[in-house]
């Protein structure tokens, strides 16, 4: 099915989101309402609280997305919604609303896989990406290495055998009483710490394509118990370095082994500044002189939802650029450098705006 204008709905976890996308890659509007303040007191996402917030917020978010796009609802040719994976109750809200709108407007309903959507996020930034691609998908609930051989043709190289990377960040932050969500807090603290201060383990670093972050999480917790006076910034930096080292090294080796023409970061953890930096460091000047084209990303402050006076939630509007392309959470520019490990023209694309 080909549609010129699609309404997309996302309610898989703790964000209520809607966007109007034209011709597959032009994001006309994107409205996101975050529930961080609702879940912060619990130290994590409470499924029932998330579902109830989606019920209250979804229709205002959809209405705002249509207004921001400057279109009328009769111009929408299809409605898409995330149908999994995710929180069952939260997904039910989005899917039910999307089906209702598709019936009222007499347009097709498209059920989207959450992870597949992550894989395609890079095409919003770079529609002309060449296959094959290696995609490092890192989020609160998933950590995967996927080869995209062609459109709709994927091969999973490996995934986490226990905790996802984002999950490990949240659990470590919770134990250290740093607040929720843990990823941005640890990232900020790590910028002021010494990443070499503590040698935390790099589990399964040279063992296939799977990941394991439960061990490093436990190692951090045990270290904090035994050394309570250690600078929290050094702990955060050392922990983050251990996680990022494994992620980047496996992604680099995967791209080399499959002969990939690009490496993409996807998922919320792609917002981590150290992960972005080390991924880009894969392409550095060397004596061998192979060509490497890099899309450089400089993280900016995400537009998190601030709770209005009196409590509750309101949507944060991410306005499209004047060209109609995707509103970006990072400023992008191109630069040429060289690469020792890839005998191809290579492109790194980073998508993802928050943990």
C-alpha atoms as a PDB file:
ATOM      1  CA  UNK A   1       0.000   0.000   0.000  1.00  0.00           C
ATOM      2  CA  UNK A   2       1.260   3.479  -0.867  1.00  0.00           C
ATOM      3  CA  UNK A   3      -0.250   6.520   0.827  1.00  0.00           C
ATOM      4  CA  UNK A   4       0.805  10.142   0.455  1.00  0.00           C
ATOM      5  CA  UNK A   5      -0.174  11.143   4.000  1.00  0.00           C
ATOM      6  CA  UNK A   6      -0.164   8.794   6.993  1.00  0.00           C
ATOM      7  CA  UNK A   7      -1.105   9.448  10.601  1.00  0.00           C
ATOM      8  CA  UNK A   8       1.180   7.491  12.913  1.00  0.00           C
ATOM      9  CA  UNK A   9       0.349   6.752  16.556  1.00  0.00           C
ATOM     10  CA  UNK A  10       2.737   5.456  19.249  1.00  0.00           C
ATOM     11  CA  UNK A  11       1.640   4.372  22.748  1.00  0.00           C
ATOM     12  CA  UNK A  12       3.884   1.394  23.481  1.00  0.00           C
ATOM     13  CA  UNK A  13       5.266   2.663  26.791  1.00  0.00           C
ATOM     14  CA  UNK A  14       5.313   6.035  28.552  1.00  0.00           C
ATOM     15  CA  UNK A  15       5.053   8.470  25.661  1.00  0.00           C
ATOM     16  CA  UNK A  16       1.902   9.386  23.780  1.00  0.00           C
ATOM     17  CA  UNK A  17       2.938  10.401  20.290  1.00  0.00           C
ATOM     18  CA  UNK A  18       1.392  11.196  16.927  1.00  0.00           C
ATOM     19  CA  UNK A  19       2.918  12.332  13.651  1.00  0.00           C
ATOM     20  CA  UNK A  20       1.825  13.126  10.107  1.00  0.00           C
ATOM     21  CA  UNK A  21       4.239  11.722   7.512  1.00  0.00           C
ATOM     22  CA  UNK A  22       4.025  12.560   3.815  1.00  0.00           C
ATOM     23  CA  UNK A  23       5.511  10.419   1.047  1.00  0.00           C
ATOM     24  CA  UNK A  24       7.211   8.104   3.490  1.00  0.00           C
ATOM     25  CA  UNK A  25       9.984  10.364   4.780  1.00  0.00           C
ATOM     26  CA  UNK A  26       8.694  13.935   5.172  1.00  0.00           C
ATOM     27  CA  UNK A  27       7.501  14.456   8.741  1.00  0.00           C
ATOM     28  CA  UNK A  28       4.877  17.197   8.586  1.00  0.00           C
ATOM     29  CA  UNK A  29       4.375  17.269  12.354  1.00  0.00           C
ATOM     30  CA  UNK A  30       5.435  15.312  15.425  1.00  0.00           C
ATOM     31  CA  UNK A  31       3.795  15.755  18.819  1.00  0.00           C
ATOM     32  CA  UNK A  32       5.062  13.862  21.877  1.00  0.00           C
ATOM     33  CA  UNK A  33       3.633  13.897  25.383  1.00  0.00           C
ATOM     34  CA  UNK A  34       6.017  12.349  27.908  1.00  0.00           C
ATOM     35  CA  UNK A  35       4.911  10.811  31.203  1.00  0.00           C
ATOM     36  CA  UNK A  36       8.275  11.085  32.964  1.00  0.00           C
ATOM     37  CA  UNK A  37       6.902  13.233  35.783  1.00  0.00           C
ATOM     38  CA  UNK A  38       4.039  10.794  36.394  1.00  0.00           C
ATOM     39  CA  UNK A  39       6.394   7.827  36.802  1.00  0.00           C
ATOM     40  CA  UNK A  40       9.345   9.535  38.478  1.00  0.00           C
ATOM     41  CA  UNK A  41       7.980   8.985  41.990  1.00  0.00           C
ATOM     42  CA  UNK A  42       7.877   5.228  41.367  1.00  0.00           C
ATOM     43  CA  UNK A  43      11.374   4.982  39.891  1.00  0.00           C
ATOM     44  CA  UNK A  44      10.069   3.377  36.695  1.00  0.00           C
ATOM     45  CA  UNK A  45       7.102   3.005  34.379  1.00  0.00           C
ATOM     46  CA  UNK A  46       3.883   1.770  36.024  1.00  0.00           C
ATOM     47  CA  UNK A  47       1.822   0.096  33.255  1.00  0.00           C
ATOM     48  CA  UNK A  48      -1.598   1.010  34.653  1.00  0.00           C
ATOM     49  CA  UNK A  49      -0.612   4.648  35.160  1.00  0.00           C
ATOM     50  CA  UNK A  50       0.800   4.759  31.622  1.00  0.00           C
ATOM     51  CA  UNK A  51      -2.360   3.292  30.096  1.00  0.00           C
ATOM     52  CA  UNK A  52      -4.654   5.765  31.864  1.00  0.00           C
ATOM     53  CA  UNK A  53      -2.487   8.693  30.779  1.00  0.00           C
ATOM     54  CA  UNK A  54      -2.644   7.489  27.155  1.00  0.00           C
ATOM     55  CA  UNK A  55      -6.459   7.440  27.343  1.00  0.00           C
ATOM     56  CA  UNK A  56      -6.486  11.072  28.480  1.00  0.00           C
ATOM     57  CA  UNK A  57      -3.810  12.366  26.146  1.00  0.00           C
ATOM     58  CA  UNK A  58      -4.066  10.500  22.853  1.00  0.00           C
ATOM     59  CA  UNK A  59      -6.847  12.451  21.158  1.00  0.00           C
ATOM     60  CA  UNK A  60      -5.452  15.895  22.121  1.00  0.00           C
ATOM     61  CA  UNK A  61      -2.048  14.790  20.826  1.00  0.00           C
ATOM     62  CA  UNK A  62      -3.538  13.553  17.533  1.00  0.00           C
ATOM     63  CA  UNK A  63      -5.547  16.766  17.138  1.00  0.00           C
ATOM     64  CA  UNK A  64      -2.438  18.865  17.758  1.00  0.00           C
ATOM     65  CA  UNK A  65      -0.437  16.842  15.224  1.00  0.00           C
ATOM     66  CA  UNK A  66      -3.095  17.454  12.549  1.00  0.00           C
ATOM     67  CA  UNK A  67      -3.164  21.181  13.341  1.00  0.00           C
ATOM     68  CA  UNK A  68       0.632  21.449  13.274  1.00  0.00           C
ATOM     69  CA  UNK A  69       0.757  19.673   9.910  1.00  0.00           C
ATOM     70  CA  UNK A  70      -1.675  22.192   8.471  1.00  0.00           C
ATOM     71  CA  UNK A  71      -3.897  19.530   6.898  1.00  0.00           C
ATOM     72  CA  UNK A  72      -7.497  18.419   7.273  1.00  0.00           C
ATOM     73  CA  UNK A  73      -8.387  14.953   8.527  1.00  0.00           C
ATOM     74  CA  UNK A  74      -9.958  14.031   5.197  1.00  0.00           C
ATOM     75  CA  UNK A  75      -6.505  14.322   3.598  1.00  0.00           C
ATOM     76  CA  UNK A  76      -5.189  11.434   5.712  1.00  0.00           C
ATOM     77  CA  UNK A  77      -4.971   8.263   3.614  1.00  0.00           C
ATOM     78  CA  UNK A  78      -3.990   5.712   6.269  1.00  0.00           C
ATOM     79  CA  UNK A  79      -3.654   5.367  10.033  1.00  0.00           C
ATOM     80  CA  UNK A  80      -0.744   3.422  11.524  1.00  0.00           C
ATOM     81  CA  UNK A  81      -0.195   2.447  15.143  1.00  0.00           C
ATOM     82  CA  UNK A  82       2.307   0.445  17.150  1.00  0.00           C
ATOM     83  CA  UNK A  83       0.865  -2.979  17.951  1.00  0.00           C
ATOM     84  CA  UNK A  84       3.886  -4.404  19.777  1.00  0.00           C
ATOM     85  CA  UNK A  85       6.142  -5.061  21.489  1.00  0.00           C
ATOM     86  CA  UNK A  86       5.229  -2.888  24.453  1.00  0.00           C
ATOM     87  CA  UNK A  87       2.939  -2.628  27.469  1.00  0.00           C
ATOM     88  CA  UNK A  88      -0.292  -4.461  26.647  1.00  0.00           C
ATOM     89  CA  UNK A  89      -2.647  -1.886  28.130  1.00  0.00           C
ATOM     90  CA  UNK A  90      -0.781   1.026  26.591  1.00  0.00           C
ATOM     91  CA  UNK A  91      -0.739  -0.622  23.164  1.00  0.00           C
ATOM     92  CA  UNK A  92      -4.461  -1.343  23.394  1.00  0.00           C
ATOM     93  CA  UNK A  93      -5.215   2.366  23.767  1.00  0.00           C
ATOM     94  CA  UNK A  94      -3.314   3.336  20.628  1.00  0.00           C
ATOM     95  CA  UNK A  95      -4.478   0.434  18.473  1.00  0.00           C
ATOM     96  CA  UNK A  96      -8.142   0.901  19.471  1.00  0.00           C
ATOM     97  CA  UNK A  97      -8.060   4.618  18.725  1.00  0.00           C
ATOM     98  CA  UNK A  98      -6.269   4.098  15.405  1.00  0.00           C
ATOM     99  CA  UNK A  99      -8.774   1.448  14.291  1.00  0.00           C
ATOM    100  CA  UNK A 100     -11.650   3.722  15.235  1.00  0.00           C
ATOM    101  CA  UNK A 101     -10.222   6.605  13.207  1.00  0.00           C
ATOM    102  CA  UNK A 102      -9.556   4.357  10.210  1.00  0.00           C
ATOM    103  CA  UNK A 103     -13.210   3.227  10.288  1.00  0.00           C
ATOM    104  CA  UNK A 104     -14.571   6.748  10.613  1.00  0.00           C
ATOM    105  CA  UNK A 105     -12.347   8.099   7.847  1.00  0.00           C
ATOM    106  CA  UNK A 106     -12.712   4.936   5.714  1.00  0.00           C
ATOM    107  CA  UNK A 107      -8.951   4.539   5.285  1.00  0.00           C
ATOM    108  CA  UNK A 108      -6.655   1.543   5.889  1.00  0.00           C
ATOM    109  CA  UNK A 109      -5.297   0.695   9.330  1.00  0.00           C
ATOM    110  CA  UNK A 110      -1.639  -0.398   9.449  1.00  0.00           C
ATOM    111  CA  UNK A 111      -0.285  -2.287  12.484  1.00  0.00           C
ATOM    112  CA  UNK A 112       3.409  -1.481  12.992  1.00  0.00           C
ATOM    113  CA  UNK A 113       6.049  -3.449  14.831  1.00  0.00           C
ATOM    114  CA  UNK A 114       7.806  -1.221  17.353  1.00  0.00           C
ATOM    115  CA  UNK A 115      11.277  -2.603  16.613  1.00  0.00           C
ATOM    116  CA  UNK A 116      10.828  -2.510  12.845  1.00  0.00           C
ATOM    117  CA  UNK A 117       9.939   1.170  13.159  1.00  0.00           C
ATOM    118  CA  UNK A 118      13.231   1.736  15.011  1.00  0.00           C
ATOM    119  CA  UNK A 119      15.076   0.141  12.112  1.00  0.00           C
ATOM    120  CA  UNK A 120      13.492   2.562   9.645  1.00  0.00           C
ATOM    121  CA  UNK A 121      13.996   5.700  11.748  1.00  0.00           C
ATOM    122  CA  UNK A 122      17.354   6.377  10.094  1.00  0.00           C
ATOM    123  CA  UNK A 123      15.641   6.730   6.707  1.00  0.00           C
ATOM    124  CA  UNK A 124      13.864   9.833   7.984  1.00  0.00           C
ATOM    125  CA  UNK A 125      17.293  11.451   8.254  1.00  0.00           C
ATOM    126  CA  UNK A 126      18.933   9.829   5.231  1.00  0.00           C
ATOM    127  CA  UNK A 127      16.341   8.434   2.762  1.00  0.00           C
ATOM    128  CA  UNK A 128      19.062   7.353   0.297  1.00  0.00           C
ATOM    129  CA  UNK A 129      20.931   5.001   2.636  1.00  0.00           C
ATOM    130  CA  UNK A 130      22.477   2.083   0.777  1.00  0.00           C
ATOM    131  CA  UNK A 131      22.023  -1.530   1.856  1.00  0.00           C
ATOM    132  CA  UNK A 132      23.208  -3.604   3.573  1.00  0.00           C
ATOM    133  CA  UNK A 133      23.047  -1.760   6.891  1.00  0.00           C
ATOM    134  CA  UNK A 134      23.944  -2.827  10.392  1.00  0.00           C
ATOM    135  CA  UNK A 135      21.614  -1.334  12.972  1.00  0.00           C
ATOM    136  CA  UNK A 136      22.446  -1.199  16.666  1.00  0.00           C
ATOM    137  CA  UNK A 137      19.046  -0.943  18.336  1.00  0.00           C
ATOM    138  CA  UNK A 138      19.444   0.143  21.951  1.00  0.00           C
ATOM    139  CA  UNK A 139      16.516   1.086  24.166  1.00  0.00           C
ATOM    140  CA  UNK A 140      15.111   0.584  27.640  1.00  0.00           C
ATOM    141  CA  UNK A 141      13.672  -2.787  26.737  1.00  0.00           C
ATOM    142  CA  UNK A 142      15.757  -4.030  23.794  1.00  0.00           C
ATOM    143  CA  UNK A 143      19.372  -4.325  22.724  1.00  0.00           C
ATOM    144  CA  UNK A 144      19.852  -5.913  19.294  1.00  0.00           C
ATOM    145  CA  UNK A 145      22.222  -6.058  16.350  1.00  0.00           C
ATOM    146  CA  UNK A 146      20.269  -6.329  13.096  1.00  0.00           C
ATOM    147  CA  UNK A 147      21.400  -6.547   9.483  1.00  0.00           C
ATOM    148  CA  UNK A 148      19.027  -4.861   7.034  1.00  0.00           C
ATOM    149  CA  UNK A 149      19.842  -6.593   3.767  1.00  0.00           C
ATOM    150  CA  UNK A 150      17.106  -4.814   1.844  1.00  0.00           C
ATOM    151  CA  UNK A 151      13.769  -3.170   2.564  1.00  0.00           C
ATOM    152  CA  UNK A 152      11.677  -5.527   4.735  1.00  0.00           C
ATOM    153  CA  UNK A 153      14.525  -8.077   4.766  1.00  0.00           C
ATOM    154  CA  UNK A 154      16.224  -8.339   8.146  1.00  0.00           C
ATOM    155  CA  UNK A 155      18.582 -10.707   9.890  1.00  0.00           C
ATOM    156  CA  UNK A 156      19.026 -10.577  13.669  1.00  0.00           C
ATOM    157  CA  UNK A 157      22.666 -11.144  14.558  1.00  0.00           C
ATOM    158  CA  UNK A 158      22.221 -11.033  18.311  1.00  0.00           C
ATOM    159  CA  UNK A 159      20.449  -9.504  21.271  1.00  0.00           C
ATOM    160  CA  UNK A 160      20.627  -9.230  25.020  1.00  0.00           C
ATOM    161  CA  UNK A 161      20.413 -12.429  27.040  1.00  0.00           C
ATOM    162  CA  UNK A 162      19.306 -10.556  30.184  1.00  0.00           C
ATOM    163  CA  UNK A 163      19.065  -6.808  30.822  1.00  0.00           C
ATOM    164  CA  UNK A 164      18.808  -4.346  27.953  1.00  0.00           C
ATOM    165  CA  UNK A 165      21.298  -1.473  27.970  1.00  0.00           C
ATOM    166  CA  UNK A 166      18.704   1.135  28.912  1.00  0.00           C
ATOM    167  CA  UNK A 167      17.336  -1.147  31.608  1.00  0.00           C
ATOM    168  CA  UNK A 168      20.819  -1.437  33.137  1.00  0.00           C
ATOM    169  CA  UNK A 169      21.151   2.361  33.166  1.00  0.00           C
ATOM    170  CA  UNK A 170      17.827   2.730  34.976  1.00  0.00           C
ATOM    171  CA  UNK A 171      18.597   0.011  37.551  1.00  0.00           C
ATOM    172  CA  UNK A 172      22.040   1.396  38.358  1.00  0.00           C
ATOM    173  CA  UNK A 173      20.605   4.911  38.699  1.00  0.00           C
ATOM    174  CA  UNK A 174      17.855   3.635  40.969  1.00  0.00           C
ATOM    175  CA  UNK A 175      20.335   1.879  43.275  1.00  0.00           C
ATOM    176  CA  UNK A 176      22.468   5.020  43.444  1.00  0.00           C
ATOM    177  CA  UNK A 177      19.358   7.120  44.097  1.00  0.00           C
ATOM    178  CA  UNK A 178      19.998   9.287  41.041  1.00  0.00           C
ATOM    179  CA  UNK A 179      16.367   9.527  39.943  1.00  0.00           C
ATOM    180  CA  UNK A 180      14.367   8.404  36.917  1.00  0.00           C
ATOM    181  CA  UNK A 181      14.987   8.059  34.029  1.00  0.00           C
ATOM    182  CA  UNK A 182      18.511   6.900  34.781  1.00  0.00           C
ATOM    183  CA  UNK A 183      20.072   7.223  31.327  1.00  0.00           C
ATOM    184  CA  UNK A 184      20.217  11.021  31.001  1.00  0.00           C
ATOM    185  CA  UNK A 185      21.335  11.420  34.633  1.00  0.00           C
ATOM    186  CA  UNK A 186      24.218   8.957  34.277  1.00  0.00           C
ATOM    187  CA  UNK A 187      25.197  10.506  30.948  1.00  0.00           C
ATOM    188  CA  UNK A 188      25.395  13.960  32.516  1.00  0.00           C
ATOM    189  CA  UNK A 189      27.348  12.780  35.559  1.00  0.00           C
ATOM    190  CA  UNK A 190      29.717  10.750  33.387  1.00  0.00           C
ATOM    191  CA  UNK A 191      30.783  13.884  31.528  1.00  0.00           C
ATOM    192  CA  UNK A 192      32.356  15.106  34.774  1.00  0.00           C
ATOM    193  CA  UNK A 193      33.851  11.767  35.842  1.00  0.00           C
ATOM    194  CA  UNK A 194      36.844   9.569  35.081  1.00  0.00           C
ATOM    195  CA  UNK A 195      35.844   6.663  32.848  1.00  0.00           C
ATOM    196  CA  UNK A 196      39.052   4.789  33.764  1.00  0.00           C
ATOM    197  CA  UNK A 197      38.593   5.082  37.521  1.00  0.00           C
ATOM    198  CA  UNK A 198      36.947   1.671  37.953  1.00  0.00           C
ATOM    199  CA  UNK A 199      37.413  -1.404  35.770  1.00  0.00           C
ATOM    200  CA  UNK A 200      33.873  -2.727  35.479  1.00  0.00           C
ATOM    201  CA  UNK A 201      33.448  -5.977  33.492  1.00  0.00           C
ATOM    202  CA  UNK A 202      32.704  -6.091  29.749  1.00  0.00           C
ATOM    203  CA  UNK A 203      30.621  -9.278  29.602  1.00  0.00           C
ATOM    204  CA  UNK A 204      30.581 -11.291  26.348  1.00  0.00           C
ATOM    205  CA  UNK A 205      32.770  -8.650  24.710  1.00  0.00           C
ATOM    206  CA  UNK A 206      34.376 -11.165  22.360  1.00  0.00           C
ATOM    207  CA  UNK A 207      31.688 -13.835  22.452  1.00  0.00           C
ATOM    208  CA  UNK A 208      29.443 -13.765  19.389  1.00  0.00           C
ATOM    209  CA  UNK A 209      26.852 -11.063  18.779  1.00  0.00           C
ATOM    210  CA  UNK A 210      24.768 -11.341  21.947  1.00  0.00           C
ATOM    211  CA  UNK A 211      24.909  -8.876  24.834  1.00  0.00           C
ATOM    212  CA  UNK A 212      24.723  -9.182  28.616  1.00  0.00           C
ATOM    213  CA  UNK A 213      24.433  -6.190  30.946  1.00  0.00           C
ATOM    214  CA  UNK A 214      23.152  -7.868  34.097  1.00  0.00           C
ATOM    215  CA  UNK A 215      26.705  -8.597  35.239  1.00  0.00           C
ATOM    216  CA  UNK A 216      28.015  -5.047  34.939  1.00  0.00           C
ATOM    217  CA  UNK A 217      24.859  -3.782  36.658  1.00  0.00           C
ATOM    218  CA  UNK A 218      25.485  -6.137  39.593  1.00  0.00           C
ATOM    219  CA  UNK A 219      29.177  -5.215  39.650  1.00  0.00           C
ATOM    220  CA  UNK A 220      28.284  -1.528  40.005  1.00  0.00           C
ATOM    221  CA  UNK A 221      25.795  -2.235  42.783  1.00  0.00           C
ATOM    222  CA  UNK A 222      28.323  -4.353  44.703  1.00  0.00           C
ATOM    223  CA  UNK A 223      31.035  -1.730  44.228  1.00  0.00           C
ATOM    224  CA  UNK A 224      28.807   1.025  45.585  1.00  0.00           C
ATOM    225  CA  UNK A 225      28.005  -1.089  48.640  1.00  0.00           C
ATOM    226  CA  UNK A 226      31.691  -1.735  49.356  1.00  0.00           C
ATOM    227  CA  UNK A 227      32.938   1.767  48.480  1.00  0.00           C
ATOM    228  CA  UNK A 228      30.121   4.172  49.419  1.00  0.00           C
ATOM    229  CA  UNK A 229      32.446   7.198  49.453  1.00  0.00           C
ATOM    230  CA  UNK A 230      33.584   6.863  45.824  1.00  0.00           C
ATOM    231  CA  UNK A 231      32.787   9.867  43.639  1.00  0.00           C
ATOM    232  CA  UNK A 232      29.456   9.134  41.962  1.00  0.00           C
ATOM    233  CA  UNK A 233      30.697  10.812  38.781  1.00  0.00           C
ATOM    234  CA  UNK A 234      33.549   8.322  38.452  1.00  0.00           C
ATOM    235  CA  UNK A 235      31.170   5.416  39.019  1.00  0.00           C
ATOM    236  CA  UNK A 236      28.765   6.749  36.391  1.00  0.00           C
ATOM    237  CA  UNK A 237      31.541   7.334  33.864  1.00  0.00           C
ATOM    238  CA  UNK A 238      33.139   3.913  34.418  1.00  0.00           C
ATOM    239  CA  UNK A 239      29.805   2.107  34.181  1.00  0.00           C
ATOM    240  CA  UNK A 240      28.787   3.984  31.050  1.00  0.00           C
ATOM    241  CA  UNK A 241      32.159   3.280  29.442  1.00  0.00           C
ATOM    242  CA  UNK A 242      31.811  -0.451  30.094  1.00  0.00           C
ATOM    243  CA  UNK A 243      28.388  -0.574  28.436  1.00  0.00           C
ATOM    244  CA  UNK A 244      29.336   1.627  25.485  1.00  0.00           C
ATOM    245  CA  UNK A 245      32.576  -0.267  24.828  1.00  0.00           C
ATOM    246  CA  UNK A 246      30.691  -3.524  24.281  1.00  0.00           C
ATOM    247  CA  UNK A 247      27.967  -1.920  22.155  1.00  0.00           C
ATOM    248  CA  UNK A 248      30.330  -0.074  19.835  1.00  0.00           C
ATOM    249  CA  UNK A 249      32.858  -2.880  19.472  1.00  0.00           C
ATOM    250  CA  UNK A 250      30.221  -5.430  18.483  1.00  0.00           C
ATOM    251  CA  UNK A 251      28.546  -2.984  16.088  1.00  0.00           C
ATOM    252  CA  UNK A 252      31.915  -2.219  14.468  1.00  0.00           C
ATOM    253  CA  UNK A 253      32.798  -5.884  14.039  1.00  0.00           C
ATOM    254  CA  UNK A 254      29.330  -6.699  12.728  1.00  0.00           C
ATOM    255  CA  UNK A 255      29.516  -3.956  10.093  1.00  0.00           C
ATOM    256  CA  UNK A 256      32.953  -5.196   9.022  1.00  0.00           C
ATOM    257  CA  UNK A 257      31.964  -8.862   8.872  1.00  0.00           C
ATOM    258  CA  UNK A 258      28.783  -8.379   6.833  1.00  0.00           C
ATOM    259  CA  UNK A 259      30.301  -5.780   4.511  1.00  0.00           C
ATOM    260  CA  UNK A 260      27.801  -3.141   5.572  1.00  0.00           C
ATOM    261  CA  UNK A 261      27.638   0.204   3.791  1.00  0.00           C
ATOM    262  CA  UNK A 262      26.275   1.960   6.869  1.00  0.00           C
ATOM    263  CA  UNK A 263      25.923   1.736  10.613  1.00  0.00           C
ATOM    264  CA  UNK A 264      22.796   3.105  12.263  1.00  0.00           C
ATOM    265  CA  UNK A 265      22.041   3.726  15.919  1.00  0.00           C
ATOM    266  CA  UNK A 266      18.373   3.477  16.857  1.00  0.00           C
ATOM    267  CA  UNK A 267      16.314   3.529  20.044  1.00  0.00           C
ATOM    268  CA  UNK A 268      16.260   5.836  23.033  1.00  0.00           C
ATOM    269  CA  UNK A 269      19.759   4.984  24.250  1.00  0.00           C
ATOM    270  CA  UNK A 270      21.083   6.339  20.938  1.00  0.00           C
ATOM    271  CA  UNK A 271      20.758   9.730  22.660  1.00  0.00           C
ATOM    272  CA  UNK A 272      23.658   8.815  24.957  1.00  0.00           C
ATOM    273  CA  UNK A 273      26.472  11.256  24.190  1.00  0.00           C
ATOM    274  CA  UNK A 274      29.280   8.767  24.817  1.00  0.00           C
ATOM    275  CA  UNK A 275      27.665   6.135  22.582  1.00  0.00           C
ATOM    276  CA  UNK A 276      27.364   8.680  19.787  1.00  0.00           C
ATOM    277  CA  UNK A 277      30.929   9.859  20.259  1.00  0.00           C
ATOM    278  CA  UNK A 278      32.478   6.387  20.247  1.00  0.00           C
ATOM    279  CA  UNK A 279      30.370   5.294  17.278  1.00  0.00           C
ATOM    280  CA  UNK A 280      31.678   8.257  15.316  1.00  0.00           C
ATOM    281  CA  UNK A 281      35.210   7.462  16.513  1.00  0.00           C
ATOM    282  CA  UNK A 282      34.947   4.218  14.549  1.00  0.00           C
ATOM    283  CA  UNK A 283      35.728   6.459  11.571  1.00  0.00           C
ATOM    284  CA  UNK A 284      39.040   8.141  12.373  1.00  0.00           C
ATOM    285  CA  UNK A 285      42.012   9.146  10.241  1.00  0.00           C
ATOM    286  CA  UNK A 286      44.404   6.228   9.751  1.00  0.00           C
ATOM    287  CA  UNK A 287      47.426   5.409   7.693  1.00  0.00           C
ATOM    288  CA  UNK A 288      45.501   2.925   5.563  1.00  0.00           C
ATOM    289  CA  UNK A 289      43.359   5.660   4.080  1.00  0.00           C
ATOM    290  CA  UNK A 290      40.071   3.903   3.326  1.00  0.00           C
ATOM    291  CA  UNK A 291      37.249   6.360   2.713  1.00  0.00           C
ATOM    292  CA  UNK A 292      34.541   6.867   5.294  1.00  0.00           C
ATOM    293  CA  UNK A 293      31.641   9.285   5.165  1.00  0.00           C
ATOM    294  CA  UNK A 294      30.184  10.239   8.522  1.00  0.00           C
ATOM    295  CA  UNK A 295      26.979  12.009   9.437  1.00  0.00           C
ATOM    296  CA  UNK A 296      28.084  13.788  12.586  1.00  0.00           C
ATOM    297  CA  UNK A 297      25.552  14.308  15.370  1.00  0.00           C
ATOM    298  CA  UNK A 298      25.858  16.897  18.111  1.00  0.00           C
ATOM    299  CA  UNK A 299      23.239  16.132  20.791  1.00  0.00           C
ATOM    300  CA  UNK A 300      21.054  19.035  21.840  1.00  0.00           C
ATOM    301  CA  UNK A 301      18.763  19.322  24.815  1.00  0.00           C
ATOM    302  CA  UNK A 302      15.619  17.269  24.107  1.00  0.00           C
ATOM    303  CA  UNK A 303      12.230  18.912  24.407  1.00  0.00           C
ATOM    304  CA  UNK A 304      11.088  17.021  27.484  1.00  0.00           C
ATOM    305  CA  UNK A 305       7.574  17.631  28.670  1.00  0.00           C
ATOM    306  CA  UNK A 306       7.382  19.905  31.675  1.00  0.00           C
ATOM    307  CA  UNK A 307       4.490  19.366  34.024  1.00  0.00           C
ATOM    308  CA  UNK A 308       2.100  22.334  33.934  1.00  0.00           C
ATOM    309  CA  UNK A 309       1.010  24.138  37.126  1.00  0.00           C
ATOM    310  CA  UNK A 310      -1.467  22.021  39.023  1.00  0.00           C
ATOM    311  CA  UNK A 311      -0.087  18.700  37.725  1.00  0.00           C
ATOM    312  CA  UNK A 312      -1.153  16.517  34.838  1.00  0.00           C
ATOM    313  CA  UNK A 313       0.423  16.228  31.404  1.00  0.00           C
ATOM    314  CA  UNK A 314       0.405  18.287  28.266  1.00  0.00           C
ATOM    315  CA  UNK A 315       1.883  17.519  24.878  1.00  0.00           C
ATOM    316  CA  UNK A 316       5.235  18.854  23.781  1.00  0.00           C
ATOM    317  CA  UNK A 317       5.119  19.932  20.146  1.00  0.00           C
ATOM    318  CA  UNK A 318       8.164  19.186  18.020  1.00  0.00           C
ATOM    319  CA  UNK A 319       7.735  21.472  15.050  1.00  0.00           C
ATOM    320  CA  UNK A 320       8.927  20.411  11.600  1.00  0.00           C
ATOM    321  CA  UNK A 321      11.744  22.232   9.868  1.00  0.00           C
ATOM    322  CA  UNK A 322      10.907  24.691   7.121  1.00  0.00           C
ATOM    323  CA  UNK A 323      11.847  22.103   4.511  1.00  0.00           C
ATOM    324  CA  UNK A 324       9.215  19.687   5.791  1.00  0.00           C
ATOM    325  CA  UNK A 325      11.873  17.118   6.781  1.00  0.00           C
ATOM    326  CA  UNK A 326      12.062  15.366  10.128  1.00  0.00           C
ATOM    327  CA  UNK A 327      12.378  17.612  13.204  1.00  0.00           C
ATOM    328  CA  UNK A 328      15.836  16.620  14.401  1.00  0.00           C
ATOM    329  CA  UNK A 329      17.067  16.281  17.955  1.00  0.00           C
ATOM    330  CA  UNK A 330      20.640  16.801  16.775  1.00  0.00           C
ATOM    331  CA  UNK A 331      22.364  19.149  14.394  1.00  0.00           C
ATOM    332  CA  UNK A 332      23.849  17.264  11.474  1.00  0.00           C
ATOM    333  CA  UNK A 333      26.689  17.986   9.127  1.00  0.00           C
ATOM    334  CA  UNK A 334      28.792  15.821   6.851  1.00  0.00           C
ATOM    335  CA  UNK A 335      32.515  15.220   7.121  1.00  0.00           C
ATOM    336  CA  UNK A 336      34.949  12.969   5.329  1.00  0.00           C
ATOM    337  CA  UNK A 337      37.582  10.972   7.167  1.00  0.00           C
ATOM    338  CA  UNK A 338      39.292   7.639   6.803  1.00  0.00           C
ATOM    339  CA  UNK A 339      38.727   4.222   8.274  1.00  0.00           C
ATOM    340  CA  UNK A 340      41.027   1.283   8.831  1.00  0.00           C
ATOM    341  CA  UNK A 341      38.476  -1.480   9.311  1.00  0.00           C
ATOM    342  CA  UNK A 342      35.963  -0.918   6.481  1.00  0.00           C
ATOM    343  CA  UNK A 343      37.032  -1.213   2.828  1.00  0.00           C
ATOM    344  CA  UNK A 344      33.851   0.608   1.701  1.00  0.00           C
ATOM    345  CA  UNK A 345      32.322   4.052   1.736  1.00  0.00           C
ATOM    346  CA  UNK A 346      30.722   4.009   5.121  1.00  0.00           C
ATOM    347  CA  UNK A 347      28.000   6.095   6.703  1.00  0.00           C
ATOM    348  CA  UNK A 348      26.999   6.406  10.330  1.00  0.00           C
ATOM    349  CA  UNK A 349      23.453   7.589  10.995  1.00  0.00           C
ATOM    350  CA  UNK A 350      22.189   8.213  14.496  1.00  0.00           C
ATOM    351  CA  UNK A 351      18.490   8.406  15.324  1.00  0.00           C
ATOM    352  CA  UNK A 352      16.793   8.569  18.690  1.00  0.00           C
ATOM    353  CA  UNK A 353      16.031  11.534  20.919  1.00  0.00           C
ATOM    354  CA  UNK A 354      15.970  10.306  24.479  1.00  0.00           C
ATOM    355  CA  UNK A 355      16.277   7.433  26.880  1.00  0.00           C
END
